[in-house]
Amino acid sequence: MPQQPSHRPVPKHLRQFAKNMRRKPTDAEAAMWRLLRARQLSAFKFRRQVPFKTYILDFACFDKRLVIEIDGSQHAESQRDAAREAALSAEGFAIARYWNNDVLQQPNSVLEDILAKLAGR
């Protein structure tokens, strides 16, 4: 497993944007954070709205190199998301995407899927 570098420099505007996103999460992001925070999911540490390179990751487990993205309909068939996934994959990350409705209506199924992905890494 590649060693995680210490903090990488992040442009100030990106860091501020991530802080703003943490203060005003979507309903689905808030629900997911309640399930992931404080090592509640099998003691895995997750961070939320993390600046990484030129992106902000919804949730990231750096120990297992897993990024979780919670998406609305604007992300369906997004070419920008495909480029983002390619860039993150090149850094050794796996990306798990879940729809807002799935997080809000079927949180246990989403958590089971996340655990399976973590176990496979």
PDB file of N, CA and C in Angstrom:
ATOM      1  N   MET A   1       0.856  -1.173   0.000  1.00  0.00           N
ATOM      2  CA  MET A   1       0.000   0.000   0.000  1.00  0.00           C
ATOM      3  C   MET A   1       0.901   1.234   0.000  1.00  0.00           C
ATOM      4  N   PRO A   2       0.599   2.220  -0.882  1.00  0.00           N
ATOM      5  CA  PRO A   2       1.421   3.416  -0.905  1.00  0.00           C
ATOM      6  C   PRO A   2       1.285   4.177   0.409  1.00  0.00           C
ATOM      7  N   GLN A   3       2.383   4.713   0.869  1.00  0.00           N
ATOM      8  CA  GLN A   3       2.366   5.452   2.112  1.00  0.00           C
ATOM      9  C   GLN A   3       1.683   6.792   1.886  1.00  0.00           C
ATOM     10  N   GLN A   4       0.808   7.143   2.812  1.00  0.00           N
ATOM     11  CA  GLN A   4       0.094   8.405   2.705  1.00  0.00           C
ATOM     12  C   GLN A   4       1.045   9.544   3.053  1.00  0.00           C
ATOM     13  N   PRO A   5       1.196  10.503   2.139  1.00  0.00           N
ATOM     14  CA  PRO A   5       2.061  11.632   2.452  1.00  0.00           C
ATOM     15  C   PRO A   5       1.416  12.507   3.516  1.00  0.00           C
ATOM     16  N   SER A   6       2.241  13.321   4.154  1.00  0.00           N
ATOM     17  CA  SER A   6       1.668  14.269   5.098  1.00  0.00           C
ATOM     18  C   SER A   6       0.837  15.273   4.304  1.00  0.00           C
ATOM     19  N   HIS A   7       0.316  16.234   4.950  1.00  0.00           N
ATOM     20  CA  HIS A   7      -0.589  17.174   4.294  1.00  0.00           C
ATOM     21  C   HIS A   7       0.019  17.756   3.032  1.00  0.00           C
ATOM     22  N   ARG A   8      -0.771  17.711   1.992  1.00  0.00           N
ATOM     23  CA  ARG A   8      -0.350  18.302   0.724  1.00  0.00           C
ATOM     24  C   ARG A   8      -0.834  19.741   0.691  1.00  0.00           C
ATOM     25  N   PRO A   9      -0.093  20.597   0.029  1.00  0.00           N
ATOM     26  CA  PRO A   9      -0.572  21.977  -0.063  1.00  0.00           C
ATOM     27  C   PRO A   9      -1.875  22.046  -0.859  1.00  0.00           C
ATOM     28  N   VAL A  10      -2.817  22.804  -0.338  1.00  0.00           N
ATOM     29  CA  VAL A  10      -4.118  22.968  -0.973  1.00  0.00           C
ATOM     30  C   VAL A  10      -4.361  24.462  -1.135  1.00  0.00           C
ATOM     31  N   PRO A  11      -4.791  24.881  -2.324  1.00  0.00           N
ATOM     32  CA  PRO A  11      -5.077  26.306  -2.510  1.00  0.00           C
ATOM     33  C   PRO A  11      -6.096  26.801  -1.482  1.00  0.00           C
ATOM     34  N   LYS A  12      -5.897  28.018  -1.017  1.00  0.00           N
ATOM     35  CA  LYS A  12      -6.736  28.580   0.030  1.00  0.00           C
ATOM     36  C   LYS A  12      -8.216  28.592  -0.365  1.00  0.00           C
ATOM     37  N   HIS A  13      -8.521  28.913  -1.627  1.00  0.00           N
ATOM     38  CA  HIS A  13      -9.927  28.964  -2.048  1.00  0.00           C
ATOM     39  C   HIS A  13     -10.574  27.581  -2.010  1.00  0.00           C
ATOM     40  N   LEU A  14      -9.811  26.542  -2.309  1.00  0.00           N
ATOM     41  CA  LEU A  14     -10.349  25.182  -2.264  1.00  0.00           C
ATOM     42  C   LEU A  14     -10.591  24.752  -0.820  1.00  0.00           C
ATOM     43  N   ARG A  15      -9.664  25.090   0.049  1.00  0.00           N
ATOM     44  CA  ARG A  15      -9.819  24.769   1.467  1.00  0.00           C
ATOM     45  C   ARG A  15     -11.060  25.472   2.039  1.00  0.00           C
ATOM     46  N   GLN A  16     -11.253  26.738   1.671  1.00  0.00           N
ATOM     47  CA  GLN A  16     -12.415  27.487   2.155  1.00  0.00           C
ATOM     48  C   GLN A  16     -13.715  26.900   1.610  1.00  0.00           C
ATOM     49  N   PHE A  17     -13.702  26.496   0.336  1.00  0.00           N
ATOM     50  CA  PHE A  17     -14.884  25.887  -0.262  1.00  0.00           C
ATOM     51  C   PHE A  17     -15.242  24.597   0.471  1.00  0.00           C
ATOM     52  N   ALA A  18     -14.246  23.794   0.816  1.00  0.00           N
ATOM     53  CA  ALA A  18     -14.487  22.549   1.559  1.00  0.00           C
ATOM     54  C   ALA A  18     -15.078  22.855   2.941  1.00  0.00           C
ATOM     55  N   LYS A  19     -14.580  23.878   3.608  1.00  0.00           N
ATOM     56  CA  LYS A  19     -15.126  24.263   4.916  1.00  0.00           C
ATOM     57  C   LYS A  19     -16.589  24.659   4.786  1.00  0.00           C
ATOM     58  N   ASN A  20     -16.895  25.421   3.743  1.00  0.00           N
ATOM     59  CA  ASN A  20     -18.281  25.832   3.525  1.00  0.00           C
ATOM     60  C   ASN A  20     -19.176  24.621   3.272  1.00  0.00           C
ATOM     61  N   MET A  21     -18.666  23.650   2.521  1.00  0.00           N
ATOM     62  CA  MET A  21     -19.441  22.438   2.242  1.00  0.00           C
ATOM     63  C   MET A  21     -19.666  21.621   3.507  1.00  0.00           C
ATOM     64  N   ARG A  22     -18.694  21.613   4.424  1.00  0.00           N
ATOM     65  CA  ARG A  22     -18.874  20.902   5.691  1.00  0.00           C
ATOM     66  C   ARG A  22     -19.939  21.587   6.549  1.00  0.00           C
ATOM     67  N   ARG A  23     -20.018  22.914   6.458  1.00  0.00           N
ATOM     68  CA  ARG A  23     -21.001  23.657   7.246  1.00  0.00           C
ATOM     69  C   ARG A  23     -22.420  23.496   6.711  1.00  0.00           C
ATOM     70  N   LYS A  24     -22.560  23.283   5.399  1.00  0.00           N
ATOM     71  CA  LYS A  24     -23.889  23.210   4.779  1.00  0.00           C
ATOM     72  C   LYS A  24     -24.018  21.946   3.927  1.00  0.00           C
ATOM     73  N   PRO A  25     -24.027  20.784   4.572  1.00  0.00           N
ATOM     74  CA  PRO A  25     -24.129  19.544   3.792  1.00  0.00           C
ATOM     75  C   PRO A  25     -25.544  19.350   3.243  1.00  0.00           C
ATOM     76  N   THR A  26     -25.642  18.543   2.195  1.00  0.00           N
ATOM     77  CA  THR A  26     -26.964  18.133   1.725  1.00  0.00           C
ATOM     78  C   THR A  26     -27.546  17.182   2.773  1.00  0.00           C
ATOM     79  N   ASP A  27     -28.842  16.915   2.677  1.00  0.00           N
ATOM     80  CA  ASP A  27     -29.475  15.988   3.623  1.00  0.00           C
ATOM     81  C   ASP A  27     -28.807  14.618   3.575  1.00  0.00           C
ATOM     82  N   ALA A  28     -28.502  14.144   2.369  1.00  0.00           N
ATOM     83  CA  ALA A  28     -27.880  12.826   2.223  1.00  0.00           C
ATOM     84  C   ALA A  28     -26.458  12.817   2.792  1.00  0.00           C
ATOM     85  N   GLU A  29     -25.701  13.888   2.566  1.00  0.00           N
ATOM     86  CA  GLU A  29     -24.337  13.958   3.121  1.00  0.00           C
ATOM     87  C   GLU A  29     -24.378  13.993   4.647  1.00  0.00           C
ATOM     88  N   ALA A  30     -25.318  14.742   5.213  1.00  0.00           N
ATOM     89  CA  ALA A  30     -25.449  14.796   6.677  1.00  0.00           C
ATOM     90  C   ALA A  30     -25.809  13.421   7.235  1.00  0.00           C
ATOM     91  N   ALA A  31     -26.719  12.726   6.561  1.00  0.00           N
ATOM     92  CA  ALA A  31     -27.108  11.386   7.011  1.00  0.00           C
ATOM     93  C   ALA A  31     -25.928  10.420   6.939  1.00  0.00           C
ATOM     94  N   MET A  32     -25.175  10.483   5.848  1.00  0.00           N
ATOM     95  CA  MET A  32     -24.018   9.591   5.707  1.00  0.00           C
ATOM     96  C   MET A  32     -22.975   9.900   6.776  1.00  0.00           C
ATOM     97  N   TRP A  33     -22.737  11.172   7.047  1.00  0.00           N
ATOM     98  CA  TRP A  33     -21.734  11.532   8.044  1.00  0.00           C
ATOM     99  C   TRP A  33     -22.132  11.032   9.431  1.00  0.00           C
ATOM    100  N   ARG A  34     -23.426  11.059   9.755  1.00  0.00           N
ATOM    101  CA  ARG A  34     -23.864  10.517  11.044  1.00  0.00           C
ATOM    102  C   ARG A  34     -23.518   9.036  11.166  1.00  0.00           C
ATOM    103  N   LEU A  35     -23.467   8.318  10.041  1.00  0.00           N
ATOM    104  CA  LEU A  35     -23.164   6.891  10.049  1.00  0.00           C
ATOM    105  C   LEU A  35     -21.667   6.593  10.037  1.00  0.00           C
ATOM    106  N   LEU A  36     -20.879   7.503   9.486  1.00  0.00           N
ATOM    107  CA  LEU A  36     -19.442   7.248   9.321  1.00  0.00           C
ATOM    108  C   LEU A  36     -18.559   7.905  10.381  1.00  0.00           C
ATOM    109  N   ARG A  37     -19.013   8.985  10.968  1.00  0.00           N
ATOM    110  CA  ARG A  37     -18.144   9.774  11.841  1.00  0.00           C
ATOM    111  C   ARG A  37     -17.721   9.006  13.090  1.00  0.00           C
ATOM    112  N   ALA A  38     -16.651   9.464  13.676  1.00  0.00           N
ATOM    113  CA  ALA A  38     -16.149   8.934  14.948  1.00  0.00           C
ATOM    114  C   ALA A  38     -15.874   7.431  14.900  1.00  0.00           C
ATOM    115  N   ARG A  39     -15.386   6.954  13.757  1.00  0.00           N
ATOM    116  CA  ARG A  39     -15.007   5.546  13.600  1.00  0.00           C
ATOM    117  C   ARG A  39     -16.148   4.575  13.904  1.00  0.00           C
ATOM    118  N   GLN A  40     -17.366   4.987  13.618  1.00  0.00           N
ATOM    119  CA  GLN A  40     -18.534   4.146  13.913  1.00  0.00           C
ATOM    120  C   GLN A  40     -18.651   2.943  12.998  1.00  0.00           C
ATOM    121  N   LEU A  41     -18.094   3.019  11.810  1.00  0.00           N
ATOM    122  CA  LEU A  41     -18.200   1.922  10.856  1.00  0.00           C
ATOM    123  C   LEU A  41     -16.963   1.033  10.987  1.00  0.00           C
ATOM    124  N   SER A  42     -17.062   0.022  11.818  1.00  0.00           N
ATOM    125  CA  SER A  42     -15.976  -0.952  12.037  1.00  0.00           C
ATOM    126  C   SER A  42     -14.635  -0.288  12.315  1.00  0.00           C
ATOM    127  N   ALA A  43     -14.651   0.824  13.012  1.00  0.00           N
ATOM    128  CA  ALA A  43     -13.458   1.556  13.448  1.00  0.00           C
ATOM    129  C   ALA A  43     -12.653   2.178  12.308  1.00  0.00           C
ATOM    130  N   PHE A  44     -13.220   2.258  11.099  1.00  0.00           N
ATOM    131  CA  PHE A  44     -12.527   2.927   9.992  1.00  0.00           C
ATOM    132  C   PHE A  44     -12.665   4.433  10.148  1.00  0.00           C
ATOM    133  N   LYS A  45     -11.579   5.133   9.933  1.00  0.00           N
ATOM    134  CA  LYS A  45     -11.588   6.592  10.036  1.00  0.00           C
ATOM    135  C   LYS A  45     -11.941   7.195   8.683  1.00  0.00           C
ATOM    136  N   PHE A  46     -12.988   8.007   8.689  1.00  0.00           N
ATOM    137  CA  PHE A  46     -13.400   8.745   7.504  1.00  0.00           C
ATOM    138  C   PHE A  46     -13.265  10.233   7.766  1.00  0.00           C
ATOM    139  N   ARG A  47     -12.934  10.945   6.721  1.00  0.00           N
ATOM    140  CA  ARG A  47     -12.954  12.409   6.745  1.00  0.00           C
ATOM    141  C   ARG A  47     -13.995  12.848   5.733  1.00  0.00           C
ATOM    142  N   ARG A  48     -14.566  14.033   5.937  1.00  0.00           N
ATOM    143  CA  ARG A  48     -15.596  14.515   5.010  1.00  0.00           C
ATOM    144  C   ARG A  48     -15.175  15.819   4.373  1.00  0.00           C
ATOM    145  N   GLN A  49     -15.655  16.002   3.142  1.00  0.00           N
ATOM    146  CA  GLN A  49     -15.368  17.207   2.363  1.00  0.00           C
ATOM    147  C   GLN A  49     -13.880  17.535   2.434  1.00  0.00           C
ATOM    148  N   VAL A  50     -13.088  16.600   1.943  1.00  0.00           N
ATOM    149  CA  VAL A  50     -11.636  16.676   2.033  1.00  0.00           C
ATOM    150  C   VAL A  50     -11.059  17.236   0.742  1.00  0.00           C
ATOM    151  N   PRO A  51     -10.316  18.340   0.811  1.00  0.00           N
ATOM    152  CA  PRO A  51      -9.616  18.804  -0.389  1.00  0.00           C
ATOM    153  C   PRO A  51      -8.499  17.818  -0.743  1.00  0.00           C
ATOM    154  N   PHE A  52      -8.457  17.414  -1.991  1.00  0.00           N
ATOM    155  CA  PHE A  52      -7.407  16.516  -2.475  1.00  0.00           C
ATOM    156  C   PHE A  52      -7.091  16.919  -3.907  1.00  0.00           C
ATOM    157  N   LYS A  53      -5.877  17.378  -4.122  1.00  0.00           N
ATOM    158  CA  LYS A  53      -5.466  17.919  -5.423  1.00  0.00           C
ATOM    159  C   LYS A  53      -6.430  19.043  -5.798  1.00  0.00           C
ATOM    160  N   THR A  54      -7.131  18.908  -6.912  1.00  0.00           N
ATOM    161  CA  THR A  54      -8.070  19.970  -7.316  1.00  0.00           C
ATOM    162  C   THR A  54      -9.512  19.570  -7.034  1.00  0.00           C
ATOM    163  N   TYR A  55      -9.716  18.551  -6.221  1.00  0.00           N
ATOM    164  CA  TYR A  55     -11.050  18.029  -5.952  1.00  0.00           C
ATOM    165  C   TYR A  55     -11.390  18.171  -4.477  1.00  0.00           C
ATOM    166  N   ILE A  56     -12.696  18.071  -4.208  1.00  0.00           N
ATOM    167  CA  ILE A  56     -13.160  17.936  -2.837  1.00  0.00           C
ATOM    168  C   ILE A  56     -13.890  16.602  -2.775  1.00  0.00           C
ATOM    169  N   LEU A  57     -13.410  15.714  -1.939  1.00  0.00           N
ATOM    170  CA  LEU A  57     -13.966  14.371  -1.803  1.00  0.00           C
ATOM    171  C   LEU A  57     -15.058  14.399  -0.742  1.00  0.00           C
ATOM    172  N   ASP A  58     -16.231  13.852  -1.048  1.00  0.00           N
ATOM    173  CA  ASP A  58     -17.319  13.860  -0.064  1.00  0.00           C
ATOM    174  C   ASP A  58     -16.869  13.172   1.229  1.00  0.00           C
ATOM    175  N   PHE A  59     -16.407  11.932   1.111  1.00  0.00           N
ATOM    176  CA  PHE A  59     -15.921  11.168   2.265  1.00  0.00           C
ATOM    177  C   PHE A  59     -14.717  10.356   1.812  1.00  0.00           C
ATOM    178  N   ALA A  60     -13.714  10.259   2.673  1.00  0.00           N
ATOM    179  CA  ALA A  60     -12.516   9.499   2.300  1.00  0.00           C
ATOM    180  C   ALA A  60     -11.984   8.729   3.499  1.00  0.00           C
ATOM    181  N   CYS A  61     -11.658   7.468   3.248  1.00  0.00           N
ATOM    182  CA  CYS A  61     -10.933   6.637   4.204  1.00  0.00           C
ATOM    183  C   CYS A  61      -9.539   6.471   3.611  1.00  0.00           C
ATOM    184  N   PHE A  62      -8.589   7.251   4.103  1.00  0.00           N
ATOM    185  CA  PHE A  62      -7.257   7.235   3.526  1.00  0.00           C
ATOM    186  C   PHE A  62      -6.512   5.942   3.824  1.00  0.00           C
ATOM    187  N   ASP A  63      -6.803   5.300   4.965  1.00  0.00           N
ATOM    188  CA  ASP A  63      -6.142   4.034   5.287  1.00  0.00           C
ATOM    189  C   ASP A  63      -6.437   2.968   4.237  1.00  0.00           C
ATOM    190  N   LYS A  64      -7.669   2.942   3.745  1.00  0.00           N
ATOM    191  CA  LYS A  64      -8.076   1.941   2.756  1.00  0.00           C
ATOM    192  C   LYS A  64      -8.160   2.515   1.345  1.00  0.00           C
ATOM    193  N   ARG A  65      -7.827   3.802   1.201  1.00  0.00           N
ATOM    194  CA  ARG A  65      -7.840   4.462  -0.118  1.00  0.00           C
ATOM    195  C   ARG A  65      -9.203   4.316  -0.798  1.00  0.00           C
ATOM    196  N   LEU A  66     -10.258   4.598  -0.031  1.00  0.00           N
ATOM    197  CA  LEU A  66     -11.623   4.523  -0.549  1.00  0.00           C
ATOM    198  C   LEU A  66     -12.272   5.898  -0.445  1.00  0.00           C
ATOM    199  N   VAL A  67     -12.834   6.346  -1.550  1.00  0.00           N
ATOM    200  CA  VAL A  67     -13.572   7.600  -1.603  1.00  0.00           C
ATOM    201  C   VAL A  67     -15.042   7.262  -1.792  1.00  0.00           C
ATOM    202  N   ILE A  68     -15.898   7.904  -0.996  1.00  0.00           N
ATOM    203  CA  ILE A  68     -17.332   7.719  -1.118  1.00  0.00           C
ATOM    204  C   ILE A  68     -17.921   9.037  -1.600  1.00  0.00           C
ATOM    205  N   GLU A  69     -18.663   8.959  -2.688  1.00  0.00           N
ATOM    206  CA  GLU A  69     -19.323  10.136  -3.259  1.00  0.00           C
ATOM    207  C   GLU A  69     -20.829   9.937  -3.157  1.00  0.00           C
ATOM    208  N   ILE A  70     -21.508  10.953  -2.672  1.00  0.00           N
ATOM    209  CA  ILE A  70     -22.968  10.950  -2.570  1.00  0.00           C
ATOM    210  C   ILE A  70     -23.472  11.906  -3.641  1.00  0.00           C
ATOM    211  N   ASP A  71     -24.231  11.379  -4.593  1.00  0.00           N
ATOM    212  CA  ASP A  71     -24.588  12.145  -5.782  1.00  0.00           C
ATOM    213  C   ASP A  71     -26.081  12.348  -5.945  1.00  0.00           C
ATOM    214  N   GLY A  72     -26.399  13.490  -6.534  1.00  0.00           N
ATOM    215  CA  GLY A  72     -27.756  13.774  -6.986  1.00  0.00           C
ATOM    216  C   GLY A  72     -27.825  13.512  -8.477  1.00  0.00           C
ATOM    217  N   SER A  73     -28.963  13.795  -9.051  1.00  0.00           N
ATOM    218  CA  SER A  73     -29.188  13.488 -10.465  1.00  0.00           C
ATOM    219  C   SER A  73     -28.277  14.265 -11.403  1.00  0.00           C
ATOM    220  N   GLN A  74     -27.713  15.383 -10.963  1.00  0.00           N
ATOM    221  CA  GLN A  74     -26.830  16.164 -11.836  1.00  0.00           C
ATOM    222  C   GLN A  74     -25.556  15.401 -12.182  1.00  0.00           C
ATOM    223  N   HIS A  75     -25.275  14.325 -11.464  1.00  0.00           N
ATOM    224  CA  HIS A  75     -24.052  13.557 -11.717  1.00  0.00           C
ATOM    225  C   HIS A  75     -24.248  12.398 -12.684  1.00  0.00           C
ATOM    226  N   ALA A  76     -25.469  12.152 -13.107  1.00  0.00           N
ATOM    227  CA  ALA A  76     -25.724  11.044 -14.030  1.00  0.00           C
ATOM    228  C   ALA A  76     -24.997  11.297 -15.347  1.00  0.00           C
ATOM    229  N   GLU A  77     -24.190  10.327 -15.742  1.00  0.00           N
ATOM    230  CA  GLU A  77     -23.459  10.393 -17.028  1.00  0.00           C
ATOM    231  C   GLU A  77     -22.535  11.609 -17.137  1.00  0.00           C
ATOM    232  N   SER A  78     -21.971  12.053 -16.031  1.00  0.00           N
ATOM    233  CA  SER A  78     -21.110  13.234 -16.024  1.00  0.00           C
ATOM    234  C   SER A  78     -19.709  12.888 -16.527  1.00  0.00           C
ATOM    235  N   GLN A  79     -19.262  13.592 -17.553  1.00  0.00           N
ATOM    236  CA  GLN A  79     -17.896  13.390 -18.060  1.00  0.00           C
ATOM    237  C   GLN A  79     -16.872  13.917 -17.067  1.00  0.00           C
ATOM    238  N   ARG A  80     -17.233  14.959 -16.340  1.00  0.00           N
ATOM    239  CA  ARG A  80     -16.321  15.503 -15.333  1.00  0.00           C
ATOM    240  C   ARG A  80     -16.070  14.468 -14.234  1.00  0.00           C
ATOM    241  N   ASP A  81     -17.125  13.755 -13.837  1.00  0.00           N
ATOM    242  CA  ASP A  81     -16.962  12.712 -12.826  1.00  0.00           C
ATOM    243  C   ASP A  81     -16.070  11.588 -13.330  1.00  0.00           C
ATOM    244  N   ALA A  82     -16.173  11.256 -14.606  1.00  0.00           N
ATOM    245  CA  ALA A  82     -15.323  10.209 -15.181  1.00  0.00           C
ATOM    246  C   ALA A  82     -13.855  10.625 -15.132  1.00  0.00           C
ATOM    247  N   ALA A  83     -13.570  11.873 -15.449  1.00  0.00           N
ATOM    248  CA  ALA A  83     -12.191  12.361 -15.386  1.00  0.00           C
ATOM    249  C   ALA A  83     -11.683  12.374 -13.947  1.00  0.00           C
ATOM    250  N   ARG A  84     -12.547  12.758 -13.028  1.00  0.00           N
ATOM    251  CA  ARG A  84     -12.199  12.777 -11.598  1.00  0.00           C
ATOM    252  C   ARG A  84     -11.882  11.368 -11.115  1.00  0.00           C
ATOM    253  N   GLU A  85     -12.713  10.399 -11.514  1.00  0.00           N
ATOM    254  CA  GLU A  85     -12.467   9.010 -11.109  1.00  0.00           C
ATOM    255  C   GLU A  85     -11.152   8.496 -11.663  1.00  0.00           C
ATOM    256  N   ALA A  86     -10.841   8.842 -12.893  1.00  0.00           N
ATOM    257  CA  ALA A  86      -9.575   8.412 -13.487  1.00  0.00           C
ATOM    258  C   ALA A  86      -8.394   9.003 -12.717  1.00  0.00           C
ATOM    259  N   ALA A  87      -8.484  10.270 -12.346  1.00  0.00           N
ATOM    260  CA  ALA A  87      -7.403  10.920 -11.604  1.00  0.00           C
ATOM    261  C   ALA A  87      -7.241  10.299 -10.218  1.00  0.00           C
ATOM    262  N   LEU A  88      -8.353  10.006  -9.548  1.00  0.00           N
ATOM    263  CA  LEU A  88      -8.277   9.397  -8.220  1.00  0.00           C
ATOM    264  C   LEU A  88      -7.775   7.956  -8.302  1.00  0.00           C
ATOM    265  N   SER A  89      -8.205   7.230  -9.321  1.00  0.00           N
ATOM    266  CA  SER A  89      -7.723   5.862  -9.516  1.00  0.00           C
ATOM    267  C   SER A  89      -6.211   5.840  -9.729  1.00  0.00           C
ATOM    268  N   ALA A  90      -5.705   6.822 -10.463  1.00  0.00           N
ATOM    269  CA  ALA A  90      -4.257   6.919 -10.693  1.00  0.00           C
ATOM    270  C   ALA A  90      -3.495   7.145  -9.383  1.00  0.00           C
ATOM    271  N   GLU A  91      -4.175   7.686  -8.388  1.00  0.00           N
ATOM    272  CA  GLU A  91      -3.576   7.902  -7.061  1.00  0.00           C
ATOM    273  C   GLU A  91      -3.796   6.712  -6.133  1.00  0.00           C
ATOM    274  N   GLY A  92      -4.434   5.647  -6.645  1.00  0.00           N
ATOM    275  CA  GLY A  92      -4.635   4.434  -5.853  1.00  0.00           C
ATOM    276  C   GLY A  92      -5.951   4.364  -5.107  1.00  0.00           C
ATOM    277  N   PHE A  93      -6.884   5.264  -5.405  1.00  0.00           N
ATOM    278  CA  PHE A  93      -8.171   5.258  -4.726  1.00  0.00           C
ATOM    279  C   PHE A  93      -9.201   4.450  -5.504  1.00  0.00           C
ATOM    280  N   ALA A  94     -10.099   3.820  -4.770  1.00  0.00           N
ATOM    281  CA  ALA A  94     -11.312   3.251  -5.340  1.00  0.00           C
ATOM    282  C   ALA A  94     -12.427   4.237  -5.017  1.00  0.00           C
ATOM    283  N   ILE A  95     -13.408   4.333  -5.900  1.00  0.00           N
ATOM    284  CA  ILE A  95     -14.494   5.284  -5.715  1.00  0.00           C
ATOM    285  C   ILE A  95     -15.807   4.514  -5.633  1.00  0.00           C
ATOM    286  N   ALA A  96     -16.573   4.803  -4.594  1.00  0.00           N
ATOM    287  CA  ALA A  96     -17.909   4.224  -4.431  1.00  0.00           C
ATOM    288  C   ALA A  96     -18.901   5.372  -4.523  1.00  0.00           C
ATOM    289  N   ARG A  97     -19.856   5.248  -5.444  1.00  0.00           N
ATOM    290  CA  ARG A  97     -20.872   6.295  -5.641  1.00  0.00           C
ATOM    291  C   ARG A  97     -22.240   5.780  -5.223  1.00  0.00           C
ATOM    292  N   TYR A  98     -22.952   6.622  -4.510  1.00  0.00           N
ATOM    293  CA  TYR A  98     -24.302   6.292  -4.065  1.00  0.00           C
ATOM    294  C   TYR A  98     -25.211   7.473  -4.355  1.00  0.00           C
ATOM    295  N   TRP A  99     -26.426   7.180  -4.736  1.00  0.00           N
ATOM    296  CA  TRP A  99     -27.416   8.228  -4.983  1.00  0.00           C
ATOM    297  C   TRP A  99     -27.956   8.749  -3.658  1.00  0.00           C
ATOM    298  N   ASN A 100     -28.317  10.020  -3.640  1.00  0.00           N
ATOM    299  CA  ASN A 100     -28.895  10.630  -2.442  1.00  0.00           C
ATOM    300  C   ASN A 100     -30.048   9.794  -1.894  1.00  0.00           C
ATOM    301  N   ASN A 101     -30.965   9.377  -2.768  1.00  0.00           N
ATOM    302  CA  ASN A 101     -32.137   8.613  -2.324  1.00  0.00           C
ATOM    303  C   ASN A 101     -31.751   7.302  -1.651  1.00  0.00           C
ATOM    304  N   ASP A 102     -30.718   6.652  -2.150  1.00  0.00           N
ATOM    305  CA  ASP A 102     -30.277   5.390  -1.532  1.00  0.00           C
ATOM    306  C   ASP A 102     -29.774   5.634  -0.112  1.00  0.00           C
ATOM    307  N   VAL A 103     -29.013   6.689   0.076  1.00  0.00           N
ATOM    308  CA  VAL A 103     -28.474   7.004   1.403  1.00  0.00           C
ATOM    309  C   VAL A 103     -29.613   7.322   2.369  1.00  0.00           C
ATOM    310  N   LEU A 104     -30.609   8.060   1.902  1.00  0.00           N
ATOM    311  CA  LEU A 104     -31.704   8.477   2.773  1.00  0.00           C
ATOM    312  C   LEU A 104     -32.720   7.370   3.022  1.00  0.00           C
ATOM    313  N   GLN A 105     -32.948   6.501   2.028  1.00  0.00           N
ATOM    314  CA  GLN A 105     -34.006   5.501   2.156  1.00  0.00           C
ATOM    315  C   GLN A 105     -33.504   4.102   2.477  1.00  0.00           C
ATOM    316  N   GLN A 106     -32.247   3.799   2.142  1.00  0.00           N
ATOM    317  CA  GLN A 106     -31.708   2.459   2.368  1.00  0.00           C
ATOM    318  C   GLN A 106     -30.304   2.535   2.981  1.00  0.00           C
ATOM    319  N   PRO A 107     -30.147   3.233   4.095  1.00  0.00           N
ATOM    320  CA  PRO A 107     -28.798   3.429   4.641  1.00  0.00           C
ATOM    321  C   PRO A 107     -28.092   2.128   5.011  1.00  0.00           C
ATOM    322  N   ASN A 108     -28.826   1.131   5.485  1.00  0.00           N
ATOM    323  CA  ASN A 108     -28.182  -0.134   5.859  1.00  0.00           C
ATOM    324  C   ASN A 108     -27.579  -0.835   4.646  1.00  0.00           C
ATOM    325  N   SER A 109     -28.278  -0.794   3.519  1.00  0.00           N
ATOM    326  CA  SER A 109     -27.744  -1.397   2.292  1.00  0.00           C
ATOM    327  C   SER A 109     -26.475  -0.678   1.842  1.00  0.00           C
ATOM    328  N   VAL A 110     -26.485   0.642   1.943  1.00  0.00           N
ATOM    329  CA  VAL A 110     -25.301   1.423   1.565  1.00  0.00           C
ATOM    330  C   VAL A 110     -24.131   1.075   2.481  1.00  0.00           C
ATOM    331  N   LEU A 111     -24.381   1.005   3.789  1.00  0.00           N
ATOM    332  CA  LEU A 111     -23.306   0.664   4.732  1.00  0.00           C
ATOM    333  C   LEU A 111     -22.752  -0.739   4.485  1.00  0.00           C
ATOM    334  N   GLU A 112     -23.623  -1.697   4.179  1.00  0.00           N
ATOM    335  CA  GLU A 112     -23.159  -3.060   3.879  1.00  0.00           C
ATOM    336  C   GLU A 112     -22.262  -3.055   2.647  1.00  0.00           C
ATOM    337  N   ASP A 113     -22.635  -2.275   1.642  1.00  0.00           N
ATOM    338  CA  ASP A 113     -21.820  -2.184   0.434  1.00  0.00           C
ATOM    339  C   ASP A 113     -20.471  -1.535   0.724  1.00  0.00           C
ATOM    340  N   ILE A 114     -20.476  -0.496   1.536  1.00  0.00           N
ATOM    341  CA  ILE A 114     -19.215   0.173   1.914  1.00  0.00           C
ATOM    342  C   ILE A 114     -18.315  -0.801   2.667  1.00  0.00           C
ATOM    343  N   LEU A 115     -18.879  -1.532   3.616  1.00  0.00           N
ATOM    344  CA  LEU A 115     -18.079  -2.515   4.369  1.00  0.00           C
ATOM    345  C   LEU A 115     -17.471  -3.562   3.454  1.00  0.00           C
ATOM    346  N   ALA A 116     -18.231  -4.013   2.470  1.00  0.00           N
ATOM    347  CA  ALA A 116     -17.714  -5.004   1.526  1.00  0.00           C
ATOM    348  C   ALA A 116     -16.552  -4.408   0.724  1.00  0.00           C
ATOM    349  N   LYS A 117     -16.684  -3.166   0.319  1.00  0.00           N
ATOM    350  CA  LYS A 117     -15.612  -2.509  -0.439  1.00  0.00           C
ATOM    351  C   LYS A 117     -14.369  -2.308   0.435  1.00  0.00           C
ATOM    352  N   LEU A 118     -14.565  -1.936   1.685  1.00  0.00           N
ATOM    353  CA  LEU A 118     -13.436  -1.775   2.612  1.00  0.00           C
ATOM    354  C   LEU A 118     -12.726  -3.103   2.847  1.00  0.00           C
ATOM    355  N   ALA A 119     -13.492  -4.177   2.983  1.00  0.00           N
ATOM    356  CA  ALA A 119     -12.911  -5.496   3.227  1.00  0.00           C
ATOM    357  C   ALA A 119     -12.102  -5.963   2.032  1.00  0.00           C
ATOM    358  N   GLY A 120     -12.502  -5.535   0.841  1.00  0.00           N
ATOM    359  CA  GLY A 120     -11.798  -5.946  -0.363  1.00  0.00           C
ATOM    360  C   GLY A 120     -10.561  -5.125  -0.673  1.00  0.00           C
ATOM    361  N   ARG A 121     -10.235  -4.151   0.128  1.00  0.00           N
ATOM    362  CA  ARG A 121      -9.078  -3.269  -0.137  1.00  0.00           C
ATOM    363  C   ARG A 121      -7.927  -3.617   0.767  1.00  0.00           C
TER     364      ARG A 121
END
